[in-house]
């Protein structure tokens, strides 16, 4: 399970969630995309009407509905979605006094009647642009985080806060949590600034940064208004091709991580 998270808004979290999920489904994986952002942009980008978003992630997180009622198939074969409604905006307050408030999502996903890890080969969670209780629930539930990072000025601003949060959660709530990778988005190599930001990010994060970068592309921006991932809207455009390459690199990295874990000596 992977959370796609960055408390900075407008960095391409939802776009990455939708199109990575679509690309993984296209190569035969079964994928669940959980929309945890009250804005519901991932739900919109997969064509889920607002009238059909309940029950969804809000009801699942609060224990009001089981997984089977909160998930529905998307138009993409192999890709299911748990949509978000505006009700999720109130979850931050409602969770404050709830028992095991940081573990609500993890407990629900691991419940006997859920079996999320058995039903889907990949679960992606699109997080809101904050480090509140909803995002915290996602980070406690997953194995790792993918961090989309915009290739523009101040791109690294706030990444330190996310890294500190990950370290605290790893120490106190989820020992296996780690950053699986950083994805550079909205890259325009014609601009010197974009090239410099990319160089700075790679110098700072090293091999954590995916080799594949997502270009600034008008077709990526147009696709959500049609309720489609860019891979369906215009498969031949540069943005779609970049997400196909990203999915391939994601699968390769995940396989290498699994192989390394399998070969680690037992304690």
Protein backbone atom coordinates (compact mmCIF):
# COMPACT_ATOMS: atom_id res chain seq x y z
CA UNK A 1 0.00 0.00 0.00
CA UNK A 2 1.26 3.44 -0.93
CA UNK A 3 0.20 6.96 0.09
CA UNK A 4 0.75 9.73 -2.44
CA UNK A 5 1.44 12.65 -0.15
CA UNK A 6 2.87 16.15 0.06
CA UNK A 7 1.37 18.80 2.31
CA UNK A 8 2.08 21.39 -0.38
CA UNK A 9 -0.84 21.77 -2.78
CA UNK A 10 -0.67 21.90 -6.56
CA UNK A 11 2.27 19.54 -6.96
CA UNK A 12 0.50 16.84 -8.97
CA UNK A 13 -0.53 14.38 -6.24
CA UNK A 14 -3.95 13.58 -7.66
CA UNK A 15 -2.76 13.55 -11.27
CA UNK A 16 -0.02 11.11 -10.30
CA UNK A 17 -2.44 8.95 -8.30
CA UNK A 18 -4.95 8.69 -11.16
CA UNK A 19 -2.48 8.03 -13.94
CA UNK A 20 -0.14 5.73 -12.04
CA UNK A 21 -3.17 3.67 -11.00
CA UNK A 22 -4.40 3.56 -14.61
CA UNK A 23 -1.00 2.56 -15.97
CA UNK A 24 -0.66 -0.22 -13.39
CA UNK A 25 -4.13 -1.52 -14.25
CA UNK A 26 -3.20 -1.43 -17.95
CA UNK A 27 -0.40 -3.94 -17.39
CA UNK A 28 -2.69 -6.37 -15.60
CA UNK A 29 -2.53 -5.32 -11.96
CA UNK A 30 -5.64 -5.00 -9.83
CA UNK A 31 -5.59 -1.54 -8.28
CA UNK A 32 -7.61 0.27 -5.63
CA UNK A 33 -7.37 4.05 -5.54
CA UNK A 34 -8.63 5.56 -2.28
CA UNK A 35 -9.53 9.24 -2.56
CA UNK A 36 -8.90 10.81 0.87
CA UNK A 37 -9.04 14.43 -0.28
CA UNK A 38 -12.34 16.21 0.54
CA UNK A 39 -12.04 18.04 -2.79
CA UNK A 40 -12.63 14.68 -4.48
CA UNK A 41 -10.44 15.48 -7.48
CA UNK A 42 -9.32 11.88 -7.93
CA UNK A 43 -12.97 10.83 -7.99
CA UNK A 44 -13.69 13.52 -10.60
CA UNK A 45 -10.68 12.47 -12.65
CA UNK A 46 -12.02 8.92 -12.81
CA UNK A 47 -15.50 10.05 -13.81
CA UNK A 48 -17.35 9.33 -10.53
CA UNK A 49 -20.38 11.68 -10.35
CA UNK A 50 -20.75 13.63 -7.09
CA UNK A 51 -24.14 12.01 -6.56
CA UNK A 52 -22.46 8.58 -6.41
CA UNK A 53 -19.66 9.27 -3.92
CA UNK A 54 -21.41 8.10 -0.79
CA UNK A 55 -20.71 5.75 0.84
CA UNK A 56 -17.04 6.34 0.20
CA UNK A 57 -13.83 7.12 2.05
CA UNK A 58 -15.59 9.24 4.69
CA UNK A 59 -17.95 6.43 5.68
CA UNK A 60 -15.12 3.88 5.54
CA UNK A 61 -12.78 5.97 7.68
CA UNK A 62 -15.46 6.60 10.32
CA UNK A 63 -16.54 2.95 10.37
CA UNK A 64 -20.02 3.72 9.02
CA UNK A 65 -19.85 1.40 6.00
CA UNK A 66 -17.80 -1.69 5.08
CA UNK A 67 -15.25 -1.81 2.27
CA UNK A 68 -17.58 -3.59 -0.15
CA UNK A 69 -20.10 -0.73 0.00
CA UNK A 70 -17.47 2.03 -0.31
CA UNK A 71 -15.62 0.76 -3.39
CA UNK A 72 -16.92 0.77 -6.94
CA UNK A 73 -15.35 -0.17 -10.29
CA UNK A 74 -14.08 2.62 -12.50
CA UNK A 75 -14.33 2.73 -16.27
CA UNK A 76 -10.77 1.38 -16.36
CA UNK A 77 -10.62 -2.44 -16.25
CA UNK A 78 -8.77 -3.58 -13.14
CA UNK A 79 -9.04 -0.21 -11.38
CA UNK A 80 -11.45 0.29 -8.48
CA UNK A 81 -12.01 3.55 -6.64
CA UNK A 82 -13.16 4.56 -3.18
CA UNK A 83 -14.51 8.07 -3.85
CA UNK A 84 -14.40 11.09 -1.56
CA UNK A 85 -17.27 13.40 -0.72
CA UNK A 86 -17.28 16.82 0.90
CA UNK A 87 -18.25 15.10 4.17
CA UNK A 88 -14.61 14.12 4.52
CA UNK A 89 -13.80 17.74 5.38
CA UNK A 90 -15.41 17.21 8.78
CA UNK A 91 -13.49 14.01 9.53
CA UNK A 92 -10.58 15.90 11.07
CA UNK A 93 -12.85 17.15 13.87
CA UNK A 94 -14.87 13.94 14.20
CA UNK A 95 -11.74 11.83 14.65
CA UNK A 96 -10.33 13.88 17.54
CA UNK A 97 -12.16 12.01 20.29
CA UNK A 98 -12.33 8.62 18.57
CA UNK A 99 -10.43 5.66 20.04
CA UNK A 100 -7.32 4.69 18.04
CA UNK A 101 -7.94 7.77 15.90
CA UNK A 102 -4.65 7.44 13.98
CA UNK A 103 -5.34 3.78 13.16
CA UNK A 104 -8.91 4.02 11.84
CA UNK A 105 -7.98 3.50 8.20
CA UNK A 106 -5.41 0.79 8.92
CA UNK A 107 -7.86 -1.10 11.13
CA UNK A 108 -10.60 -0.86 8.51
CA UNK A 109 -8.35 -2.02 5.65
CA UNK A 110 -7.04 -4.93 7.72
CA UNK A 111 -10.42 -6.01 9.04
CA UNK A 112 -11.39 -9.64 8.30
CA UNK A 113 -14.19 -8.56 5.96
CA UNK A 114 -11.89 -6.20 3.99
CA UNK A 115 -8.82 -8.22 2.97
CA UNK A 116 -7.63 -5.28 0.89
CA UNK A 117 -4.11 -6.69 0.43
CA UNK A 118 -5.56 -9.94 -0.91
CA UNK A 119 -8.09 -8.32 -3.24
CA UNK A 120 -5.77 -5.83 -4.94
CA UNK A 121 -2.11 -6.06 -5.96
CA UNK A 122 -1.68 -2.31 -5.38
CA UNK A 123 -3.54 0.13 -3.13
CA UNK A 124 -2.84 3.84 -3.70
CA UNK A 125 -4.15 6.55 -1.37
CA UNK A 126 -4.48 10.11 -2.65
CA UNK A 127 -3.93 12.32 0.42
CA UNK A 128 -5.14 15.88 1.04
CA UNK A 129 -2.58 18.74 0.98
CA UNK A 130 -2.09 18.77 4.74
CA UNK A 131 -0.54 16.76 7.55
CA UNK A 132 -3.73 16.48 9.59
CA UNK A 133 -5.49 13.43 11.04
CA UNK A 134 -6.81 12.22 7.67
CA UNK A 135 -3.34 12.19 6.14
CA UNK A 136 -1.95 10.68 9.34
CA UNK A 137 -4.42 7.81 9.00
CA UNK A 138 -3.14 7.16 5.49
CA UNK A 139 0.50 7.19 6.60
CA UNK A 140 -0.22 4.75 9.43
CA UNK A 141 -2.06 2.40 7.05
CA UNK A 142 0.49 2.17 4.21
CA UNK A 143 3.89 0.62 3.71
CA UNK A 144 5.47 3.59 1.94
CA UNK A 145 4.98 7.09 0.53
CA UNK A 146 5.38 8.46 -2.96
CA UNK A 147 6.13 12.19 -2.90
CA UNK A 148 5.25 14.24 -6.00
CA UNK A 149 7.45 17.34 -6.11
CA UNK A 150 6.88 20.25 -8.45
CA UNK A 151 9.96 21.30 -10.40
CA UNK A 152 9.61 24.98 -9.56
CA UNK A 153 10.99 27.52 -7.10
CA UNK A 154 10.45 26.57 -3.44
CA UNK A 155 9.87 22.94 -4.47
CA UNK A 156 11.78 21.71 -1.44
CA UNK A 157 9.84 23.95 0.93
CA UNK A 158 7.88 21.79 3.31
CA UNK A 159 9.55 18.53 2.31
CA UNK A 160 11.51 18.71 5.56
CA UNK A 161 8.25 18.79 7.51
CA UNK A 162 7.01 15.72 5.65
CA UNK A 163 10.29 13.89 6.28
CA UNK A 164 10.07 14.73 10.00
CA UNK A 165 6.48 13.52 10.11
CA UNK A 166 7.47 10.25 8.44
CA UNK A 167 10.25 9.77 10.98
CA UNK A 168 7.87 10.35 13.91
CA UNK A 169 5.23 8.00 12.51
CA UNK A 170 7.87 5.36 11.82
CA UNK A 171 9.08 5.60 15.41
CA UNK A 172 5.71 5.69 17.16
CA UNK A 173 2.95 4.32 14.93
CA UNK A 174 4.12 2.48 11.80
CA UNK A 175 7.65 0.98 11.95
CA UNK A 176 7.65 -0.06 8.29
CA UNK A 177 6.81 3.38 6.87
CA UNK A 178 9.38 4.86 4.49
CA UNK A 179 9.60 7.16 1.48
CA UNK A 180 9.53 4.89 -1.57
CA UNK A 181 10.40 7.65 -3.99
CA UNK A 182 10.13 11.24 -5.12
CA UNK A 183 8.43 12.01 -8.45
CA UNK A 184 9.35 15.26 -10.17
CA UNK A 185 6.27 16.79 -11.80
CA UNK A 186 5.56 19.76 -14.11
CA UNK A 187 9.11 19.60 -15.44
CA UNK A 188 9.95 21.98 -18.30
CA UNK A 189 13.53 21.38 -19.35
CA UNK A 190 13.45 24.42 -21.62
CA UNK A 191 13.60 26.52 -18.47
CA UNK A 192 16.89 26.94 -16.65
CA UNK A 193 15.03 27.17 -13.34
CA UNK A 194 13.36 23.80 -13.90
CA UNK A 195 16.71 22.20 -14.71
CA UNK A 196 18.27 23.71 -11.58
CA UNK A 197 15.43 22.54 -9.33
CA UNK A 198 15.73 19.02 -10.74
CA UNK A 199 19.47 19.03 -10.10
CA UNK A 200 18.93 20.27 -6.53
CA UNK A 201 16.28 17.63 -5.81
CA UNK A 202 18.46 14.82 -7.16
CA UNK A 203 21.42 16.08 -5.15
CA UNK A 204 19.28 16.18 -2.00
CA UNK A 205 17.40 12.89 -2.34
CA UNK A 206 19.77 10.84 -4.49
CA UNK A 207 18.39 7.49 -5.65
CA UNK A 208 15.03 8.18 -4.03
CA UNK A 209 14.17 10.38 -7.02
CA UNK A 210 12.58 8.47 -9.88
CA UNK A 211 14.50 8.62 -13.14
CA UNK A 212 11.19 9.29 -14.91
CA UNK A 213 9.95 12.87 -14.70
CA UNK A 214 6.48 14.16 -15.57
CA UNK A 215 6.54 17.06 -18.04
CA UNK A 216 4.35 20.13 -17.94
CA UNK A 217 1.73 19.09 -20.51
CA UNK A 218 -1.58 20.68 -21.51
CA UNK A 219 -3.24 17.30 -22.14
CA UNK A 220 -2.63 16.30 -18.51
CA UNK A 221 -4.42 19.48 -17.42
CA UNK A 222 -7.34 18.90 -19.81
CA UNK A 223 -8.02 15.25 -18.98
CA UNK A 224 -9.78 15.63 -15.57
CA UNK A 225 -12.44 17.91 -17.06
CA UNK A 226 -13.44 14.93 -19.22
CA UNK A 227 -13.47 12.55 -16.24
CA UNK A 228 -10.60 10.59 -17.74
CA UNK A 229 -6.97 9.79 -16.91
CA UNK A 230 -4.62 11.31 -19.47
CA UNK A 231 -3.65 7.77 -20.52
CA UNK A 232 -7.19 7.33 -21.82
CA UNK A 233 -7.78 10.92 -22.91
CA UNK A 234 -4.66 11.07 -25.10
CA UNK A 235 -2.42 8.03 -24.81
CA UNK A 236 0.10 9.40 -27.31
CA UNK A 237 0.84 12.69 -25.54
CA UNK A 238 4.09 13.27 -23.67
CA UNK A 239 2.35 13.27 -20.28
CA UNK A 240 0.70 9.90 -20.84
CA UNK A 241 3.92 8.35 -22.05
CA UNK A 242 5.73 9.68 -18.98
CA UNK A 243 3.22 8.03 -16.64
CA UNK A 244 3.61 4.72 -18.51
CA UNK A 245 7.37 4.94 -17.92
CA UNK A 246 6.79 5.91 -14.28
CA UNK A 247 4.59 2.84 -13.75
CA UNK A 248 7.28 0.62 -15.24
CA UNK A 249 9.92 2.13 -12.93
CA UNK A 250 7.53 1.85 -9.97
CA UNK A 251 7.00 -1.88 -10.61
CA UNK A 252 10.74 -2.45 -11.01
CA UNK A 253 11.57 -0.62 -7.77
CA UNK A 254 8.86 -2.47 -5.85
CA UNK A 255 10.13 -5.82 -7.14
CA UNK A 256 13.70 -4.97 -6.14
CA UNK A 257 12.56 -3.90 -2.66
CA UNK A 258 10.61 -7.16 -2.25
CA UNK A 259 13.60 -9.22 -3.39
CA UNK A 260 15.91 -7.40 -0.98
CA UNK A 261 13.51 -7.97 1.90
CA UNK A 262 13.26 -11.68 1.02
CA UNK A 263 17.04 -12.06 1.16
CA UNK A 264 17.51 -10.25 4.46
CA UNK A 265 18.76 -12.62 7.19
CA UNK A 266 16.24 -13.46 9.89
CA UNK A 267 16.85 -11.64 13.19
